[in-house]
C-alpha atoms as a PDB file:
ATOM      1  CA  UNK A   1     -34.530  97.018-126.451  1.00  0.00           C
ATOM      2  CA  UNK A   2     -31.331  99.066-126.312  1.00  0.00           C
ATOM      3  CA  UNK A   3     -31.269 102.768-125.427  1.00  0.00           C
ATOM      4  CA  UNK A   4     -28.167 103.326-127.573  1.00  0.00           C
ATOM      5  CA  UNK A   5     -28.662 105.580-130.625  1.00  0.00           C
ATOM      6  CA  UNK A   6     -26.380 104.804-133.568  1.00  0.00           C
ATOM      7  CA  UNK A   7     -26.006 108.139-135.371  1.00  0.00           C
ATOM      8  CA  UNK A   8     -23.486 106.585-137.757  1.00  0.00           C
ATOM      9  CA  UNK A   9     -26.325 104.691-139.384  1.00  0.00           C
ATOM     10  CA  UNK A  10     -27.672 106.642-142.372  1.00  0.00           C
ATOM     11  CA  UNK A  11     -31.306 105.685-141.752  1.00  0.00           C
ATOM     12  CA  UNK A  12     -31.032 106.800-138.128  1.00  0.00           C
ATOM     13  CA  UNK A  13     -29.621 110.185-139.162  1.00  0.00           C
ATOM     14  CA  UNK A  14     -32.378 110.656-141.739  1.00  0.00           C
ATOM     15  CA  UNK A  15     -34.983 109.755-139.109  1.00  0.00           C
ATOM     16  CA  UNK A  16     -33.552 112.315-136.681  1.00  0.00           C
ATOM     17  CA  UNK A  17     -33.437 115.023-139.350  1.00  0.00           C
ATOM     18  CA  UNK A  18     -37.008 114.261-140.450  1.00  0.00           C
ATOM     19  CA  UNK A  19     -38.267 115.717-137.158  1.00  0.00           C
ATOM     20  CA  UNK A  20     -36.357 118.983-137.532  1.00  0.00           C
ATOM     21  CA  UNK A  21     -39.290 120.772-139.173  1.00  0.00           C
ATOM     22  CA  UNK A  22     -41.548 119.768-136.280  1.00  0.00           C
ATOM     23  CA  UNK A  23     -39.171 121.324-133.742  1.00  0.00           C
ATOM     24  CA  UNK A  24     -38.877 124.418-135.924  1.00  0.00           C
ATOM     25  CA  UNK A  25     -42.678 124.685-135.745  1.00  0.00           C
ATOM     26  CA  UNK A  26     -42.563 124.380-131.935  1.00  0.00           C
ATOM     27  CA  UNK A  27     -40.023 127.194-131.576  1.00  0.00           C
ATOM     28  CA  UNK A  28     -41.846 129.307-134.166  1.00  0.00           C
ATOM     29  CA  UNK A  29     -45.084 129.102-132.169  1.00  0.00           C
ATOM     30  CA  UNK A  30     -43.219 129.941-128.957  1.00  0.00           C
ATOM     31  CA  UNK A  31     -41.637 132.943-130.682  1.00  0.00           C
ATOM     32  CA  UNK A  32     -45.067 134.078-131.878  1.00  0.00           C
ATOM     33  CA  UNK A  33     -46.397 133.692-128.331  1.00  0.00           C
ATOM     34  CA  UNK A  34     -43.585 135.828-126.901  1.00  0.00           C
ATOM     35  CA  UNK A  35     -44.166 138.479-129.566  1.00  0.00           C
ATOM     36  CA  UNK A  36     -47.938 138.536-129.038  1.00  0.00           C
ATOM     37  CA  UNK A  37     -47.494 138.755-125.261  1.00  0.00           C
ATOM     38  CA  UNK A  38     -45.961 142.220-125.669  1.00  0.00           C
ATOM     39  CA  UNK A  39     -49.017 143.540-127.555  1.00  0.00           C
ATOM     40  CA  UNK A  40     -51.414 145.614-125.390  1.00  0.00           C
ATOM     41  CA  UNK A  41     -54.772 143.828-125.117  1.00  0.00           C
ATOM     42  CA  UNK A  42     -58.129 145.167-126.200  1.00  0.00           C
ATOM     43  CA  UNK A  43     -59.781 147.042-123.317  1.00  0.00           C
ATOM     44  CA  UNK A  44     -63.369 145.921-122.954  1.00  0.00           C
ATOM     45  CA  UNK A  45     -65.784 148.423-121.463  1.00  0.00           C
ATOM     46  CA  UNK A  46     -67.272 147.767-118.036  1.00  0.00           C
ATOM     47  CA  UNK A  47     -69.643 149.143-115.422  1.00  0.00           C
ATOM     48  CA  UNK A  48     -68.356 150.721-112.233  1.00  0.00           C
ATOM     49  CA  UNK A  49     -71.149 148.845-110.443  1.00  0.00           C
ATOM     50  CA  UNK A  50     -69.972 145.426-111.659  1.00  0.00           C
ATOM     51  CA  UNK A  51     -69.303 143.562-108.409  1.00  0.00           C
ATOM     52  CA  UNK A  52     -67.483 140.753-110.236  1.00  0.00           C
ATOM     53  CA  UNK A  53     -64.582 143.188-110.832  1.00  0.00           C
ATOM     54  CA  UNK A  54     -64.241 144.268-107.216  1.00  0.00           C
ATOM     55  CA  UNK A  55     -62.078 141.454-105.856  1.00  0.00           C
ATOM     56  CA  UNK A  56     -58.781 142.204-104.127  1.00  0.00           C
ATOM     57  CA  UNK A  57     -55.625 142.108-106.227  1.00  0.00           C
ATOM     58  CA  UNK A  58     -53.173 139.489-104.941  1.00  0.00           C
ATOM     59  CA  UNK A  59     -49.501 139.801-105.835  1.00  0.00           C
ATOM     60  CA  UNK A  60     -48.932 136.101-105.185  1.00  0.00           C
ATOM     61  CA  UNK A  61     -51.311 133.824-107.083  1.00  0.00           C
ATOM     62  CA  UNK A  62     -53.009 130.899-105.358  1.00  0.00           C
ATOM     63  CA  UNK A  63     -51.568 128.621-108.054  1.00  0.00           C
ATOM     64  CA  UNK A  64     -48.409 130.336-109.381  1.00  0.00           C
ATOM     65  CA  UNK A  65     -47.381 129.831-112.990  1.00  0.00           C
ATOM     66  CA  UNK A  66     -44.312 127.798-112.006  1.00  0.00           C
ATOM     67  CA  UNK A  67     -46.555 125.296-110.240  1.00  0.00           C
ATOM     68  CA  UNK A  68     -48.876 125.133-113.253  1.00  0.00           C
ATOM     69  CA  UNK A  69     -45.791 124.437-115.405  1.00  0.00           C
ATOM     70  CA  UNK A  70     -44.755 121.570-113.122  1.00  0.00           C
ATOM     71  CA  UNK A  71     -48.250 120.074-113.298  1.00  0.00           C
ATOM     72  CA  UNK A  72     -48.748 120.548-117.042  1.00  0.00           C
ATOM     73  CA  UNK A  73     -45.209 120.004-118.347  1.00  0.00           C
ATOM     74  CA  UNK A  74     -42.760 118.470-115.867  1.00  0.00           C
ATOM     75  CA  UNK A  75     -45.038 115.720-114.546  1.00  0.00           C
ATOM     76  CA  UNK A  76     -46.067 114.559-118.072  1.00  0.00           C
ATOM     77  CA  UNK A  77     -42.372 114.510-119.108  1.00  0.00           C
ATOM     78  CA  UNK A  78     -41.487 112.341-116.095  1.00  0.00           C
ATOM     79  CA  UNK A  79     -44.343 109.902-116.767  1.00  0.00           C
ATOM     80  CA  UNK A  80     -43.540 109.732-120.499  1.00  0.00           C
ATOM     81  CA  UNK A  81     -39.862 109.105-119.645  1.00  0.00           C
ATOM     82  CA  UNK A  82     -40.759 106.343-117.182  1.00  0.00           C
ATOM     83  CA  UNK A  83     -42.890 104.586-119.776  1.00  0.00           C
ATOM     84  CA  UNK A  84     -40.695 105.153-122.843  1.00  0.00           C
ATOM     85  CA  UNK A  85     -37.214 104.813-121.333  1.00  0.00           C
ATOM     86  CA  UNK A  86     -38.002 102.591-118.364  1.00  0.00           C
ATOM     87  CA  UNK A  87     -40.578 100.209-119.830  1.00  0.00           C
ATOM     88  CA  UNK A  88     -40.248 100.439-123.609  1.00  0.00           C
ATOM     89  CA  UNK A  89     -36.539 101.375-123.454  1.00  0.00           C
ATOM     90  CA  UNK A  90     -36.865 103.455-126.592  1.00  0.00           C
ATOM     91  CA  UNK A  91     -35.384 106.911-127.217  1.00  0.00           C
ATOM     92  CA  UNK A  92     -37.548 107.139-130.340  1.00  0.00           C
ATOM     93  CA  UNK A  93     -40.717 106.588-128.328  1.00  0.00           C
ATOM     94  CA  UNK A  94     -39.561 109.125-125.728  1.00  0.00           C
ATOM     95  CA  UNK A  95     -38.761 111.712-128.404  1.00  0.00           C
ATOM     96  CA  UNK A  96     -42.152 111.309-130.076  1.00  0.00           C
ATOM     97  CA  UNK A  97     -43.900 111.675-126.733  1.00  0.00           C
ATOM     98  CA  UNK A  98     -41.972 114.847-125.823  1.00  0.00           C
ATOM     99  CA  UNK A  99     -42.419 116.298-129.308  1.00  0.00           C
ATOM    100  CA  UNK A 100     -46.179 115.830-129.090  1.00  0.00           C
ATOM    101  CA  UNK A 101     -46.241 117.507-125.676  1.00  0.00           C
ATOM    102  CA  UNK A 102     -44.122 120.412-126.953  1.00  0.00           C
ATOM    103  CA  UNK A 103     -46.415 120.913-129.937  1.00  0.00           C
ATOM    104  CA  UNK A 104     -49.509 120.937-127.726  1.00  0.00           C
ATOM    105  CA  UNK A 105     -48.074 123.353-125.147  1.00  0.00           C
ATOM    106  CA  UNK A 106     -46.635 125.783-127.717  1.00  0.00           C
ATOM    107  CA  UNK A 107     -49.849 125.789-129.760  1.00  0.00           C
ATOM    108  CA  UNK A 108     -52.012 126.387-126.690  1.00  0.00           C
ATOM    109  CA  UNK A 109     -49.713 129.201-125.511  1.00  0.00           C
ATOM    110  CA  UNK A 110     -49.962 130.951-128.872  1.00  0.00           C
ATOM    111  CA  UNK A 111     -53.713 130.497-129.380  1.00  0.00           C
ATOM    112  CA  UNK A 112     -54.686 131.383-125.792  1.00  0.00           C
ATOM    113  CA  UNK A 113     -52.620 134.576-125.848  1.00  0.00           C
ATOM    114  CA  UNK A 114     -54.173 135.566-129.192  1.00  0.00           C
ATOM    115  CA  UNK A 115     -57.642 135.160-127.694  1.00  0.00           C
ATOM    116  CA  UNK A 116     -56.664 137.013-124.507  1.00  0.00           C
ATOM    117  CA  UNK A 117     -55.488 140.162-126.277  1.00  0.00           C
ATOM    118  CA  UNK A 118     -58.415 140.035-128.716  1.00  0.00           C
ATOM    119  CA  UNK A 119     -61.170 139.604-126.116  1.00  0.00           C
ATOM    120  CA  UNK A 120     -59.688 141.961-123.496  1.00  0.00           C
ATOM    121  CA  UNK A 121     -61.933 140.782-120.679  1.00  0.00           C
ATOM    122  CA  UNK A 122     -61.196 142.476-117.311  1.00  0.00           C
ATOM    123  CA  UNK A 123     -59.998 140.278-114.470  1.00  0.00           C
ATOM    124  CA  UNK A 124     -62.077 140.010-111.272  1.00  0.00           C
ATOM    125  CA  UNK A 125     -59.575 142.283-109.497  1.00  0.00           C
ATOM    126  CA  UNK A 126     -59.564 144.946-112.214  1.00  0.00           C
ATOM    127  CA  UNK A 127     -60.778 147.828-110.031  1.00  0.00           C
ATOM    128  CA  UNK A 128     -58.057 147.138-107.467  1.00  0.00           C
ATOM    129  CA  UNK A 129     -55.482 147.212-110.267  1.00  0.00           C
ATOM    130  CA  UNK A 130     -56.687 150.373-111.991  1.00  0.00           C
ATOM    131  CA  UNK A 131     -58.022 152.279-108.940  1.00  0.00           C
ATOM    132  CA  UNK A 132     -60.770 154.389-110.548  1.00  0.00           C
ATOM    133  CA  UNK A 133     -61.320 157.847-109.108  1.00  0.00           C
ATOM    134  CA  UNK A 134     -63.743 158.101-106.197  1.00  0.00           C
ATOM    135  CA  UNK A 135     -67.204 159.221-107.202  1.00  0.00           C
ATOM    136  CA  UNK A 136     -67.006 157.678-110.675  1.00  0.00           C
ATOM    137  CA  UNK A 137     -70.443 156.727-112.021  1.00  0.00           C
ATOM    138  CA  UNK A 138     -71.684 155.114-115.203  1.00  0.00           C
ATOM    139  CA  UNK A 139     -72.855 157.521-117.908  1.00  0.00           C
ATOM    140  CA  UNK A 140     -76.571 157.194-118.778  1.00  0.00           C
ATOM    141  CA  UNK A 141     -77.171 154.011-120.793  1.00  0.00           C
ATOM    142  CA  UNK A 142     -73.442 153.596-121.429  1.00  0.00           C
ATOM    143  CA  UNK A 143     -70.404 151.826-120.018  1.00  0.00           C
ATOM    144  CA  UNK A 144     -67.036 153.097-118.832  1.00  0.00           C
ATOM    145  CA  UNK A 145     -63.592 152.263-120.178  1.00  0.00           C
ATOM    146  CA  UNK A 146     -60.016 152.047-118.935  1.00  0.00           C
ATOM    147  CA  UNK A 147     -59.505 155.837-119.071  1.00  0.00           C
ATOM    148  CA  UNK A 148     -61.207 156.191-115.671  1.00  0.00           C
ATOM    149  CA  UNK A 149     -58.248 154.415-114.052  1.00  0.00           C
ATOM    150  CA  UNK A 150     -55.715 156.440-112.081  1.00  0.00           C
ATOM    151  CA  UNK A 151     -52.908 153.865-112.359  1.00  0.00           C
ATOM    152  CA  UNK A 152     -50.400 154.010-115.285  1.00  0.00           C
ATOM    153  CA  UNK A 153     -51.673 152.203-118.369  1.00  0.00           C
ATOM    154  CA  UNK A 154     -48.280 150.828-119.416  1.00  0.00           C
ATOM    155  CA  UNK A 155     -47.536 148.637-116.372  1.00  0.00           C
ATOM    156  CA  UNK A 156     -47.597 144.846-116.521  1.00  0.00           C
ATOM    157  CA  UNK A 157     -50.258 144.660-113.820  1.00  0.00           C
ATOM    158  CA  UNK A 158     -52.572 146.960-115.755  1.00  0.00           C
ATOM    159  CA  UNK A 159     -52.123 145.197-119.119  1.00  0.00           C
ATOM    160  CA  UNK A 160     -52.552 141.808-117.481  1.00  0.00           C
ATOM    161  CA  UNK A 161     -55.761 143.055-115.895  1.00  0.00           C
ATOM    162  CA  UNK A 162     -57.464 142.799-119.300  1.00  0.00           C
ATOM    163  CA  UNK A 163     -56.357 139.221-119.977  1.00  0.00           C
ATOM    164  CA  UNK A 164     -58.911 137.316-117.963  1.00  0.00           C
ATOM    165  CA  UNK A 165     -60.277 135.054-120.706  1.00  0.00           C
ATOM    166  CA  UNK A 166     -59.442 132.330-121.424  1.00  0.00           C
ATOM    167  CA  UNK A 167     -57.641 131.135-118.317  1.00  0.00           C
ATOM    168  CA  UNK A 168     -53.982 130.409-119.020  1.00  0.00           C
ATOM    169  CA  UNK A 169     -53.678 128.094-116.016  1.00  0.00           C
ATOM    170  CA  UNK A 170     -56.674 126.030-117.094  1.00  0.00           C
ATOM    171  CA  UNK A 171     -55.573 125.914-120.724  1.00  0.00           C
ATOM    172  CA  UNK A 172     -52.027 124.753-119.910  1.00  0.00           C
ATOM    173  CA  UNK A 173     -53.245 122.164-117.408  1.00  0.00           C
ATOM    174  CA  UNK A 174     -55.813 120.783-119.831  1.00  0.00           C
ATOM    175  CA  UNK A 175     -53.276 120.704-122.670  1.00  0.00           C
ATOM    176  CA  UNK A 176     -50.490 118.986-120.753  1.00  0.00           C
ATOM    177  CA  UNK A 177     -52.559 116.535-118.737  1.00  0.00           C
ATOM    178  CA  UNK A 178     -55.006 115.943-121.598  1.00  0.00           C
ATOM    179  CA  UNK A 179     -52.109 115.036-123.884  1.00  0.00           C
ATOM    180  CA  UNK A 180     -50.678 112.753-121.199  1.00  0.00           C
ATOM    181  CA  UNK A 181     -54.034 110.973-120.881  1.00  0.00           C
ATOM    182  CA  UNK A 182     -54.237 110.281-124.607  1.00  0.00           C
ATOM    183  CA  UNK A 183     -50.560 109.268-124.691  1.00  0.00           C
ATOM    184  CA  UNK A 184     -51.182 106.660-121.996  1.00  0.00           C
ATOM    185  CA  UNK A 185     -54.456 105.615-123.654  1.00  0.00           C
ATOM    186  CA  UNK A 186     -52.607 104.914-126.890  1.00  0.00           C
ATOM    187  CA  UNK A 187     -49.855 102.952-125.173  1.00  0.00           C
ATOM    188  CA  UNK A 188     -52.395 100.864-123.232  1.00  0.00           C
ATOM    189  CA  UNK A 189     -54.558 100.299-126.338  1.00  0.00           C
ATOM    190  CA  UNK A 190     -57.523 101.687-124.419  1.00  0.00           C
ATOM    191  CA  UNK A 191     -59.788 101.855-127.462  1.00  0.00           C
ATOM    192  CA  UNK A 192     -59.185  98.305-128.693  1.00  0.00           C
ATOM    193  CA  UNK A 193     -62.730  97.298-127.730  1.00  0.00           C
ATOM    194  CA  UNK A 194     -61.705  94.690-125.140  1.00  0.00           C
ATOM    195  CA  UNK A 195     -63.300  96.569-122.242  1.00  0.00           C
ATOM    196  CA  UNK A 196     -60.511  96.682-119.663  1.00  0.00           C
ATOM    197  CA  UNK A 197     -61.979  98.911-116.964  1.00  0.00           C
ATOM    198  CA  UNK A 198     -58.678  99.662-115.188  1.00  0.00           C
ATOM    199  CA  UNK A 199     -57.334 101.295-118.353  1.00  0.00           C
ATOM    200  CA  UNK A 200     -60.238 103.711-118.378  1.00  0.00           C
ATOM    201  CA  UNK A 201     -59.520 104.699-114.769  1.00  0.00           C
ATOM    202  CA  UNK A 202     -55.862 105.406-115.626  1.00  0.00           C
ATOM    203  CA  UNK A 203     -56.963 107.431-118.659  1.00  0.00           C
ATOM    204  CA  UNK A 204     -59.416 109.466-116.531  1.00  0.00           C
END
């Protein structure tokens, strides 16, 4: 099969244009994500004695976001390209695969950020970020809130400290690699009922 795309053909042009609304949806969800990401999250109350919030704040993450992007986005694109352009030799198949990945990633980014700012769960290193005053204690039968912190409330580190749930790294990895698994499963006809065990291992 040829990799040449004949845009002079009317049916080819109509096919290309038919996907425009899908790409508009992708960029719309990304725009919504970027807009939501600037909204201050809800600040859930907490106890000063909560040991799960006493971990050390690390400037450099164990798995940085750029590495998560390579795992969840770049690697699936490479594998989809190898299968679609190398094996199937089809730009149409490659485009559909990338479009599906883009839809999944943009939707997950938007939904996860909506949940993050709505839930406002403190991160495990919240106390190290906000640095509550020494001698702070819980009021009788009540919890404390972010106003006990001595650090500025408008910094990125402080706002991000209330975006613990759900995990963005886990969500992106599951979305990208989960989509890749189902993409490969469809191409290998994994669910055709013939019981090829090696296909299941590739899918897993």
